[in-house]
Protein backbone atom coordinates (compact mmCIF):
# COMPACT_ATOMS: atom_id res chain seq x y z
CA MET A 1 -31.21 -4.61 22.02
CA PRO A 2 -31.92 -4.40 18.27
CA HIS A 3 -30.77 -7.23 16.05
CA LYS A 4 -27.39 -6.55 14.43
CA LEU A 5 -27.68 -7.35 10.73
CA THR A 6 -25.15 -9.85 9.40
CA PHE A 7 -23.77 -10.73 6.00
CA ILE A 8 -21.51 -13.14 4.11
CA ASP A 9 -19.36 -11.75 1.31
CA LEU A 10 -18.72 -14.15 -1.61
CA PHE A 11 -15.98 -13.55 -4.19
CA ALA A 12 -15.11 -10.69 -1.85
CA GLY A 13 -12.08 -9.19 -3.61
CA ALA A 14 -10.58 -6.38 -1.54
CA GLY A 15 -13.94 -5.74 0.09
CA GLY A 16 -15.45 -2.65 -1.57
CA LEU A 17 -18.97 -4.03 -1.31
CA SER A 18 -18.28 -5.27 2.22
CA GLU A 19 -16.92 -1.89 3.29
CA GLY A 20 -20.19 -0.23 2.31
CA PHE A 21 -22.17 -2.71 4.40
CA VAL A 22 -19.86 -2.41 7.42
CA ARG A 23 -20.13 1.38 7.20
CA ALA A 24 -23.92 0.97 7.31
CA GLY A 25 -23.69 -1.01 10.55
CA TYR A 26 -23.77 -4.64 9.36
CA THR A 27 -21.52 -7.33 10.84
CA PRO A 28 -19.49 -9.52 8.46
CA LEU A 29 -19.62 -13.21 9.34
CA ALA A 30 -17.28 -14.35 6.58
CA HIS A 31 -15.43 -13.12 3.51
CA ILE A 32 -14.58 -15.74 0.91
CA GLU A 33 -11.92 -14.87 -1.65
CA MET A 34 -9.33 -16.82 -3.66
CA ASP A 35 -6.67 -14.12 -4.25
CA GLY A 36 -4.01 -14.13 -1.55
CA TYR A 37 -3.27 -10.40 -1.64
CA ALA A 38 -6.97 -9.52 -1.52
CA CYS A 39 -7.35 -11.85 1.49
CA ASP A 40 -4.50 -10.04 3.22
CA THR A 41 -6.24 -6.74 2.51
CA LEU A 42 -9.49 -8.09 3.96
CA ARG A 43 -7.65 -9.21 7.11
CA THR A 44 -6.03 -5.81 7.51
CA ARG A 45 -9.36 -4.08 7.06
CA ALA A 46 -11.05 -6.43 9.54
CA ALA A 47 -8.33 -5.51 12.04
CA PHE A 48 -8.91 -1.82 11.33
CA HIS A 49 -12.64 -2.05 12.06
CA TYR A 50 -12.03 -4.00 15.26
CA LEU A 51 -9.45 -1.48 16.50
CA LYS A 52 -11.67 1.44 15.56
CA ASN A 53 -14.56 -0.05 17.55
CA GLN A 54 -12.21 -0.56 20.52
CA ASN A 55 -10.86 3.02 20.32
CA LYS A 56 -7.41 1.61 19.58
CA LEU A 57 -6.73 3.14 16.17
CA ALA A 58 -3.28 4.21 17.37
CA ILE A 59 -2.23 0.59 16.80
CA TYR A 60 -3.38 0.76 13.17
CA GLU A 61 -1.67 4.12 12.62
CA LYS A 62 1.58 2.73 14.02
CA TYR A 63 1.28 -0.25 11.66
CA LEU A 64 0.93 2.02 8.62
CA ARG A 65 3.79 4.30 9.72
CA GLU A 66 6.20 1.44 10.26
CA LYS A 67 5.08 -0.92 7.50
CA GLN A 68 7.74 -2.13 5.07
CA GLU A 69 7.26 -3.18 1.47
CA LYS A 70 6.92 -6.92 0.82
CA GLU A 71 5.64 -7.46 4.36
CA ASN A 72 2.11 -8.77 4.84
CA GLY A 73 -0.09 -7.58 7.68
CA LYS A 74 0.95 -10.20 10.22
CA LYS A 75 2.31 -7.61 12.67
CA LEU A 76 -1.13 -5.98 12.75
CA TRP A 77 -3.22 -9.16 12.67
CA GLU A 78 -1.44 -10.49 15.76
CA GLN A 79 -2.78 -7.52 17.76
CA VAL A 80 -6.46 -8.38 17.32
CA PRO A 81 -8.43 -11.49 18.33
CA GLN A 82 -7.83 -14.45 16.02
CA GLU A 83 -11.55 -14.83 15.35
CA ILE A 84 -11.49 -11.42 13.61
CA ILE A 85 -8.79 -12.54 11.21
CA ASP A 86 -10.47 -15.91 10.71
CA THR A 87 -13.51 -14.26 9.12
CA VAL A 88 -11.44 -14.20 5.93
CA ILE A 89 -11.50 -17.56 4.17
CA LYS A 90 -8.96 -17.97 1.38
CA ALA A 91 -10.52 -20.36 -1.08
CA ALA A 92 -11.63 -20.62 -4.69
CA ILE A 93 -15.33 -21.42 -4.57
CA GLY A 94 -15.99 -24.60 -6.55
CA GLU A 95 -17.20 -28.20 -6.37
CA GLU A 96 -14.08 -29.47 -4.59
CA THR A 97 -13.98 -26.71 -1.97
CA ILE A 98 -17.55 -25.76 -1.21
CA ASN A 99 -18.19 -28.30 1.56
CA ASP A 100 -15.07 -27.22 3.45
CA ILE A 101 -16.07 -23.58 2.99
CA PHE A 102 -19.52 -24.35 4.37
CA LYS A 103 -17.94 -25.97 7.45
CA ASN A 104 -15.79 -22.87 8.02
CA VAL A 105 -18.73 -20.51 7.60
CA ASP A 106 -20.89 -22.65 9.91
CA ARG A 107 -18.19 -22.42 12.57
CA LEU A 108 -17.86 -18.66 12.18
CA LYS A 109 -21.54 -17.84 12.24
CA GLY A 110 -22.47 -20.23 15.05
CA SER A 111 -26.16 -19.77 15.82
CA GLN A 112 -26.41 -16.40 14.10
CA GLN A 113 -28.84 -15.83 11.28
CA VAL A 114 -27.36 -14.74 7.94
CA ASP A 115 -29.40 -11.70 6.93
CA VAL A 116 -27.75 -10.84 3.61
CA ILE A 117 -25.37 -12.48 1.15
CA ILE A 118 -23.40 -10.11 -1.05
CA GLY A 119 -20.83 -10.41 -3.83
CA GLY A 120 -20.46 -11.37 -7.43
CA PRO A 121 -18.35 -13.94 -9.29
CA PRO A 122 -15.26 -12.79 -11.23
CA CYS A 123 -16.44 -10.91 -14.27
CA GLN A 124 -13.74 -11.75 -16.85
CA ALA A 125 -15.87 -14.38 -18.55
CA TYR A 126 -18.77 -11.92 -18.86
CA SER A 127 -16.94 -8.71 -19.75
CA VAL A 128 -16.52 -7.39 -23.28
CA ALA A 129 -12.75 -7.15 -22.81
CA GLY A 130 -12.59 -10.68 -21.43
CA ARG A 131 -14.56 -12.08 -24.34
CA ALA A 132 -12.42 -10.20 -26.84
CA ARG A 133 -9.22 -11.46 -25.23
CA MET A 134 -10.31 -15.10 -24.81
CA GLY A 135 -12.27 -15.52 -28.04
CA LYS A 136 -14.32 -18.72 -28.32
CA ALA A 137 -12.55 -20.17 -25.28
CA VAL A 138 -14.67 -17.89 -23.11
CA GLU A 139 -17.68 -20.14 -23.76
CA ASP A 140 -15.97 -22.97 -21.86
CA ASP A 141 -14.56 -20.78 -19.10
CA PRO A 142 -15.58 -22.35 -15.75
CA ARG A 143 -16.17 -18.85 -14.35
CA ASN A 144 -19.36 -18.79 -16.42
CA GLU A 145 -20.79 -21.31 -13.93
CA LEU A 146 -19.77 -19.65 -10.66
CA TYR A 147 -23.22 -18.15 -10.18
CA LYS A 148 -24.44 -21.69 -9.38
CA TYR A 149 -22.25 -21.72 -6.28
CA TYR A 150 -23.65 -18.36 -5.22
CA VAL A 151 -27.06 -20.04 -5.38
CA LYS A 152 -25.77 -22.92 -3.23
CA PHE A 153 -24.93 -20.39 -0.51
CA LEU A 154 -28.45 -19.00 -0.74
CA GLU A 155 -29.87 -22.50 -0.43
CA ARG A 156 -27.77 -23.34 2.63
CA TYR A 157 -27.99 -20.09 4.61
CA GLN A 158 -31.40 -18.79 3.52
CA PRO A 159 -30.64 -15.08 3.87
CA LYS A 160 -33.60 -12.73 3.80
CA MET A 161 -31.93 -10.74 0.98
CA PHE A 162 -28.97 -10.92 -1.37
CA VAL A 163 -27.00 -8.49 -3.54
CA PHE A 164 -25.25 -9.77 -6.67
CA GLU A 165 -23.01 -7.38 -8.64
CA ASN A 166 -21.49 -7.91 -12.08
CA VAL A 167 -20.58 -6.36 -15.41
CA LEU A 168 -23.21 -5.56 -18.04
CA GLY A 169 -22.07 -8.53 -20.10
CA ILE A 170 -23.55 -11.00 -17.65
CA ARG A 171 -26.90 -10.37 -19.35
CA THR A 172 -25.67 -11.59 -22.75
CA ALA A 173 -22.79 -14.04 -22.07
CA LYS A 174 -23.45 -17.44 -23.68
CA GLY A 175 -26.57 -16.02 -25.26
CA GLY A 176 -27.93 -14.93 -21.87
CA GLU A 177 -28.30 -18.52 -20.65
CA PRO A 178 -26.40 -18.13 -17.32
CA PHE A 179 -28.33 -14.95 -16.50
CA ARG A 180 -31.69 -16.60 -17.14
CA ASP A 181 -30.62 -19.69 -15.22
CA LEU A 182 -29.55 -17.62 -12.20
CA GLN A 183 -32.99 -16.01 -12.04
CA ARG A 184 -34.73 -19.37 -12.40
CA LEU A 185 -32.66 -21.02 -9.66
CA VAL A 186 -33.17 -18.32 -7.04
CA ARG A 187 -36.91 -18.17 -7.72
CA GLU A 188 -37.08 -21.91 -7.15
CA LEU A 189 -35.58 -21.24 -3.71
CA GLY A 190 -38.42 -18.87 -2.85
CA TYR A 191 -36.78 -15.58 -3.74
CA GLU A 192 -38.06 -12.76 -5.88
CA ILE A 193 -35.35 -11.16 -7.96
CA GLU A 194 -34.89 -7.88 -9.85
CA TRP A 195 -31.94 -6.32 -11.62
CA ARG A 196 -31.06 -2.84 -12.81
CA ILE A 197 -28.09 -1.11 -14.33
CA GLN A 198 -26.66 1.26 -11.76
CA ILE A 199 -24.36 4.11 -12.79
CA ALA A 200 -21.96 4.96 -9.97
CA SER A 201 -21.81 8.67 -10.86
CA GLU A 202 -25.56 8.92 -10.14
CA HIS A 203 -24.91 7.76 -6.59
CA GLY A 204 -22.10 9.95 -5.33
CA VAL A 205 -19.09 8.32 -7.02
CA LEU A 206 -16.81 10.35 -9.31
CA GLN A 207 -16.74 7.58 -11.90
CA ASN A 208 -19.07 6.71 -14.79
CA ARG A 209 -19.11 3.06 -13.83
CA ARG A 210 -22.07 0.98 -15.07
CA ARG A 211 -22.78 -2.35 -13.44
CA VAL A 212 -25.68 -4.76 -13.10
CA ILE A 213 -26.89 -4.87 -9.51
CA ILE A 214 -29.18 -7.82 -8.85
CA VAL A 215 -31.16 -7.88 -5.61
CA GLY A 216 -33.23 -10.78 -4.37
CA TRP A 217 -35.43 -11.24 -1.33
CA LYS A 218 -37.48 -13.93 0.36
CA LYS A 219 -41.05 -13.73 -0.86
CA GLU A 220 -42.35 -15.21 2.40
CA ASP A 221 -41.12 -15.11 5.99
CA GLU A 222 -40.67 -18.16 8.23
CA ASN A 223 -44.40 -18.05 9.04
CA GLY A 224 -45.48 -18.07 5.41
CA ASN A 225 -46.49 -14.40 5.35
CA ALA A 226 -45.61 -12.24 2.36
CA THR A 227 -42.58 -10.01 3.00
CA THR A 228 -42.39 -6.32 2.15
CA PHE A 229 -38.85 -6.47 0.73
CA HIS A 230 -38.20 -4.93 -2.67
CA TYR A 231 -35.48 -3.66 -4.96
CA PRO A 232 -33.68 -0.76 -3.23
CA GLU A 233 -34.96 2.64 -4.26
CA LEU A 234 -31.68 4.36 -5.11
CA LYS A 235 -32.50 7.96 -5.86
CA ALA A 236 -30.19 9.42 -8.49
CA GLU A 237 -28.05 12.37 -7.39
CA THR A 238 -26.72 15.21 -9.50
CA MET A 239 -22.94 15.14 -9.39
CA GLU A 240 -21.70 18.65 -8.59
CA TYR A 241 -18.08 17.73 -7.99
CA THR A 242 -15.13 17.06 -10.31
CA VAL A 243 -12.14 14.73 -10.21
CA LEU A 244 -9.30 17.22 -10.22
CA LYS A 245 -10.69 19.90 -7.91
CA ASP A 246 -12.69 17.77 -5.48
CA LEU A 247 -11.03 14.34 -5.46
CA PHE A 248 -7.32 14.76 -6.16
CA ALA A 249 -6.49 18.32 -5.10
CA ASP A 250 -5.36 17.60 -1.52
CA LEU A 251 -2.79 14.95 -2.49
CA PRO A 252 0.86 15.99 -2.95
CA GLU A 253 2.09 16.34 -6.53
CA ARG A 254 3.77 13.36 -8.07
CA LYS A 255 5.94 12.83 -11.10
CA SER A 256 6.52 9.58 -12.95
CA GLY A 257 8.01 7.00 -10.59
CA GLU A 258 7.63 9.11 -7.45
CA GLY A 259 6.20 7.94 -4.15
CA LYS A 260 6.44 4.81 -2.03
CA LEU A 261 4.01 2.01 -1.43
CA CYS A 262 4.44 2.22 2.32
CA GLU A 263 4.93 5.84 3.31
CA PRO A 264 2.63 8.14 5.29
CA ILE A 265 1.43 11.01 3.10
CA GLN A 266 0.31 14.33 4.51
CA TYR A 267 -2.55 16.20 2.91
CA THR A 268 -1.93 19.56 1.26
CA LYS A 269 -5.41 20.96 2.01
CA GLN A 270 -7.58 21.00 5.11
CA LEU A 271 -10.64 18.76 5.07
CA SER A 272 -12.87 21.84 5.36
CA LYS A 273 -11.62 22.83 1.88
CA MET A 274 -12.55 19.43 0.40
CA PRO A 275 -16.35 19.08 0.82
CA TYR A 276 -16.69 16.03 -1.43
CA LEU A 277 -14.09 14.07 0.52
CA LYS A 278 -15.83 15.02 3.76
CA LYS A 279 -19.29 14.13 2.46
CA THR A 280 -18.20 10.70 1.19
CA GLU A 281 -15.83 10.03 4.12
CA ILE A 282 -13.03 9.32 1.65
CA ARG A 283 -10.51 11.18 3.82
CA GLY A 284 -10.94 8.46 6.44
CA VAL A 285 -10.49 8.71 10.20
CA ILE A 286 -6.72 9.10 10.46
CA SER A 287 -4.65 12.20 9.68
CA PHE A 288 -2.64 10.81 6.75
CA THR A 289 -2.88 8.41 3.85
CA THR A 290 -0.59 5.93 2.06
CA GLN A 291 0.09 4.30 -1.30
CA HIS A 292 0.35 7.55 -3.23
CA ILE A 293 2.82 5.95 -5.62
CA ALA A 294 3.08 6.54 -9.35
CA ARG A 295 4.37 4.10 -11.94
CA THR A 296 7.55 4.91 -13.82
CA ASN A 297 6.58 5.92 -17.35
CA ASN A 298 9.24 5.96 -20.08
CA VAL A 299 9.94 9.00 -22.26
CA ASN A 300 8.02 7.59 -25.24
CA ASP A 301 4.89 7.05 -23.16
CA ARG A 302 5.19 10.42 -21.47
CA GLU A 303 5.34 12.07 -24.88
CA ILE A 304 2.13 10.27 -25.82
CA TYR A 305 0.58 11.28 -22.48
CA LYS A 306 1.33 14.93 -23.24
CA ILE A 307 -0.21 14.66 -26.71
CA ALA A 308 -3.29 12.98 -25.22
CA LEU A 309 -3.62 15.69 -22.57
CA ASP A 310 -3.10 18.56 -25.03
CA LYS A 311 -5.76 17.09 -27.29
CA PHE A 312 -8.19 16.58 -24.41
CA LEU A 313 -7.71 20.06 -22.96
CA SER A 314 -7.79 21.98 -26.24
CA ASN A 315 -10.59 20.05 -27.97
CA ASN A 316 -13.36 19.81 -25.37
CA GLY A 317 -12.41 16.40 -24.10
CA LYS A 318 -11.54 14.81 -27.45
CA ARG A 319 -9.75 11.49 -26.97
CA LEU A 320 -6.50 10.41 -28.59
CA ASP A 321 -6.69 8.00 -31.53
CA TYR A 322 -3.59 5.80 -31.26
CA SER A 323 -3.42 5.25 -35.03
CA LYS A 324 -3.05 9.03 -35.56
CA LEU A 325 0.10 9.32 -33.46
CA PRO A 326 3.45 9.97 -35.18
CA SER A 327 4.77 6.60 -36.32
CA ARG A 328 7.92 6.94 -34.20
CA LEU A 329 5.74 6.77 -31.10
CA GLN A 330 3.64 3.77 -32.16
CA HIS A 331 5.18 0.70 -30.57
CA HIS A 332 2.02 -1.43 -30.42
CA LYS A 333 1.49 -3.79 -33.35
CA ASN A 334 -2.30 -3.53 -33.10
CA LYS A 335 -3.28 -0.28 -34.83
CA GLU A 336 -6.85 -1.24 -35.74
CA THR A 337 -8.54 -1.90 -32.39
CA PHE A 338 -8.24 -0.46 -28.84
CA LEU A 339 -7.27 2.86 -30.37
CA ASN A 340 -8.26 4.61 -27.12
CA ARG A 341 -5.58 2.75 -25.10
CA PHE A 342 -4.13 6.12 -24.02
CA ASN A 343 -6.93 7.74 -22.08
CA VAL A 344 -7.04 10.83 -19.88
CA VAL A 345 -9.01 10.84 -16.63
CA ASN A 346 -11.52 13.66 -17.06
CA PRO A 347 -10.47 16.50 -14.73
CA PHE A 348 -13.72 18.46 -15.16
CA GLY A 349 -16.26 15.74 -14.37
CA CYS A 350 -16.30 12.03 -13.61
CA SER A 351 -13.68 9.48 -14.56
CA HIS A 352 -14.26 6.64 -16.99
CA THR A 353 -14.58 3.17 -15.44
CA VAL A 354 -11.71 1.84 -13.35
CA VAL A 355 -11.09 -1.81 -14.26
CA ALA A 356 -8.71 -4.55 -13.14
CA HIS A 357 -6.55 -4.02 -16.24
CA ILE A 358 -5.19 -0.92 -14.52
CA ALA A 359 -2.83 -3.41 -12.86
CA MET A 360 -1.21 -4.15 -16.24
CA ASP A 361 -0.57 -0.58 -17.36
CA GLY A 362 -1.53 2.97 -16.58
CA HIS A 363 -1.97 4.26 -20.12
CA TYR A 364 -5.74 4.14 -19.84
CA TYR A 365 -5.64 6.33 -16.73
CA ILE A 366 -3.48 9.37 -17.43
CA TYR A 367 -3.42 11.87 -14.58
CA PRO A 368 -5.33 15.01 -15.67
CA THR A 369 -2.74 17.72 -15.11
CA LEU A 370 -3.80 21.03 -16.65
CA ASN A 371 -0.25 22.10 -17.58
CA PRO A 372 1.24 19.01 -19.19
CA THR A 373 4.97 18.76 -19.86
CA ILE A 374 7.13 15.76 -20.66
CA GLU A 375 8.47 16.02 -17.11
CA ASN A 376 5.21 16.11 -15.15
CA VAL A 377 2.84 13.80 -17.04
CA ARG A 378 2.15 10.37 -15.51
CA SER A 379 -0.50 7.75 -14.90
CA ILE A 380 -2.57 7.89 -11.71
CA THR A 381 -1.29 6.60 -8.39
CA VAL A 382 -2.67 3.71 -6.35
CA ARG A 383 -4.33 6.14 -3.93
CA GLU A 384 -5.91 8.16 -6.74
CA ALA A 385 -7.33 4.97 -8.25
CA ALA A 386 -8.68 3.98 -4.82
CA ARG A 387 -10.34 7.39 -4.48
CA LEU A 388 -12.01 6.97 -7.87
CA GLN A 389 -13.54 3.81 -6.38
CA SER A 390 -14.46 5.88 -3.27
CA PHE A 391 -12.32 3.79 -0.90
CA PRO A 392 -11.45 5.70 2.27
CA ASP A 393 -7.87 6.90 2.58
CA ASP A 394 -7.32 4.74 5.67
CA PHE A 395 -7.92 1.62 3.55
CA PHE A 396 -4.62 -0.20 2.89
CA PHE A 397 -4.26 -2.62 -0.02
CA GLU A 398 -1.78 -5.36 0.82
CA GLY A 399 0.69 -6.72 -1.71
CA SER A 400 2.64 -5.12 -4.54
CA ARG A 401 1.67 -1.99 -6.43
CA SER A 402 0.22 -4.10 -9.25
CA ALA A 403 -1.68 -6.23 -6.76
CA ALA A 404 -3.17 -3.08 -5.21
CA PHE A 405 -4.25 -1.75 -8.61
CA LYS A 406 -5.89 -5.09 -9.47
CA GLN A 407 -7.80 -5.18 -6.18
CA ILE A 408 -9.03 -1.63 -6.72
CA GLY A 409 -10.11 -2.25 -10.31
CA ASN A 410 -12.11 -5.34 -9.35
CA ALA A 411 -13.96 -3.64 -6.50
CA VAL A 412 -17.43 -2.19 -6.08
CA PRO A 413 -17.32 1.55 -5.26
CA VAL A 414 -17.70 1.90 -1.51
CA VAL A 415 -20.09 4.87 -1.66
CA LEU A 416 -22.48 2.98 -3.96
CA ALA A 417 -22.26 -0.13 -1.77
CA HIS A 418 -23.05 1.97 1.31
CA LYS A 419 -26.08 3.50 -0.37
CA ILE A 420 -27.45 0.04 -1.19
CA ALA A 421 -26.73 -1.23 2.32
CA VAL A 422 -28.50 1.70 3.99
CA GLU A 423 -31.61 1.25 1.86
CA LEU A 424 -31.76 -2.48 2.60
CA LYS A 425 -31.27 -1.77 6.30
CA GLN A 426 -34.32 0.45 6.25
CA GLN A 427 -36.31 -2.37 4.69
CA PHE A 428 -35.24 -4.70 7.48
CA ALA A 429 -36.29 -2.09 10.05
CA ASP A 430 -39.67 -1.57 8.37
CA GLY A 431 -40.27 -5.30 8.31
CA LEU A 432 -39.59 -5.87 12.01
């Protein structure tokens, strides 16, 4: 029987990176995450995968159909073995917690080898927006040092490979010192390391997301022989699909404030009419979806949305400049920076990057209706945001609407994660 590849997911979030690896056939040994809602989501997804493997998805479907808002997933988790739920460790990785986390992981993995470690520390301290918001305080942000704990996991579990994902700013934060130090530390542990900027839209995702993907591998095997591992060869694809026609078109129409967080949603088009969703497996394995809920947008914002859409549609994608709006509509004091705060999702190509700030407001993600009126304009729903991150429709984000948006914005696109996982899996196979 061939060896089943295993992984540990650090700073796991809602599990976008993990989902890609599970889809590629890897087994998660542990997910470590500090956010309570994200942990609940990870538990629900772990239950889903278990039930799917046991041909018991009817239990999961019943859970989604009967789920009530403000309930966590306990009713579902109780229907799968406890060891499945226990793979999720709720903890903030740091000096005071790491030994207890190690003990938990040791218990979960038993005698199993850890083949891959995946994940990336929270990016706020490295991102441009985070630095702008925090000013000089960002230099002392403890999140700058979280990469050192990632290295401690490498040192303890000695995986053959690792995947580290983060924002572009990780290369330059604190003058590039943490980035250089990360590379030095992992090389001292016997790993080779390479990094590249990966653009999600080049790898099957309808989003122009740019992230640093660092991959490391053991230079020598346990016998001292040179390994054949290398940075994954991710061949760029030409994106022939568009957001409105190929990603959103089978979801029921929504107006501002419409939809429920926990309500089964029927598709308006057959899967055969949605080739992109079929190719990427975004439609999932059940016959409905959930969380197609839109924020309530006030009249002032909807008027701005309409102006932004009219401008975009009539001027070849020209974006709205907030400072040029009629003064009666300008309620933000800052009229000198972030002038693109009202931003339309491109209907005719790929979306701009989905970020965690989507949890705070929807202005930066205006739904791309082609016939905008004050009545029908809105920001995108939770499910639409999840689709932009290529999460499957059977993926349920636990917690409030804002919590779901935050989890989605922080995630790695599933389709990109899967592509990386498949390529690494081939390397493992070639090396056996």
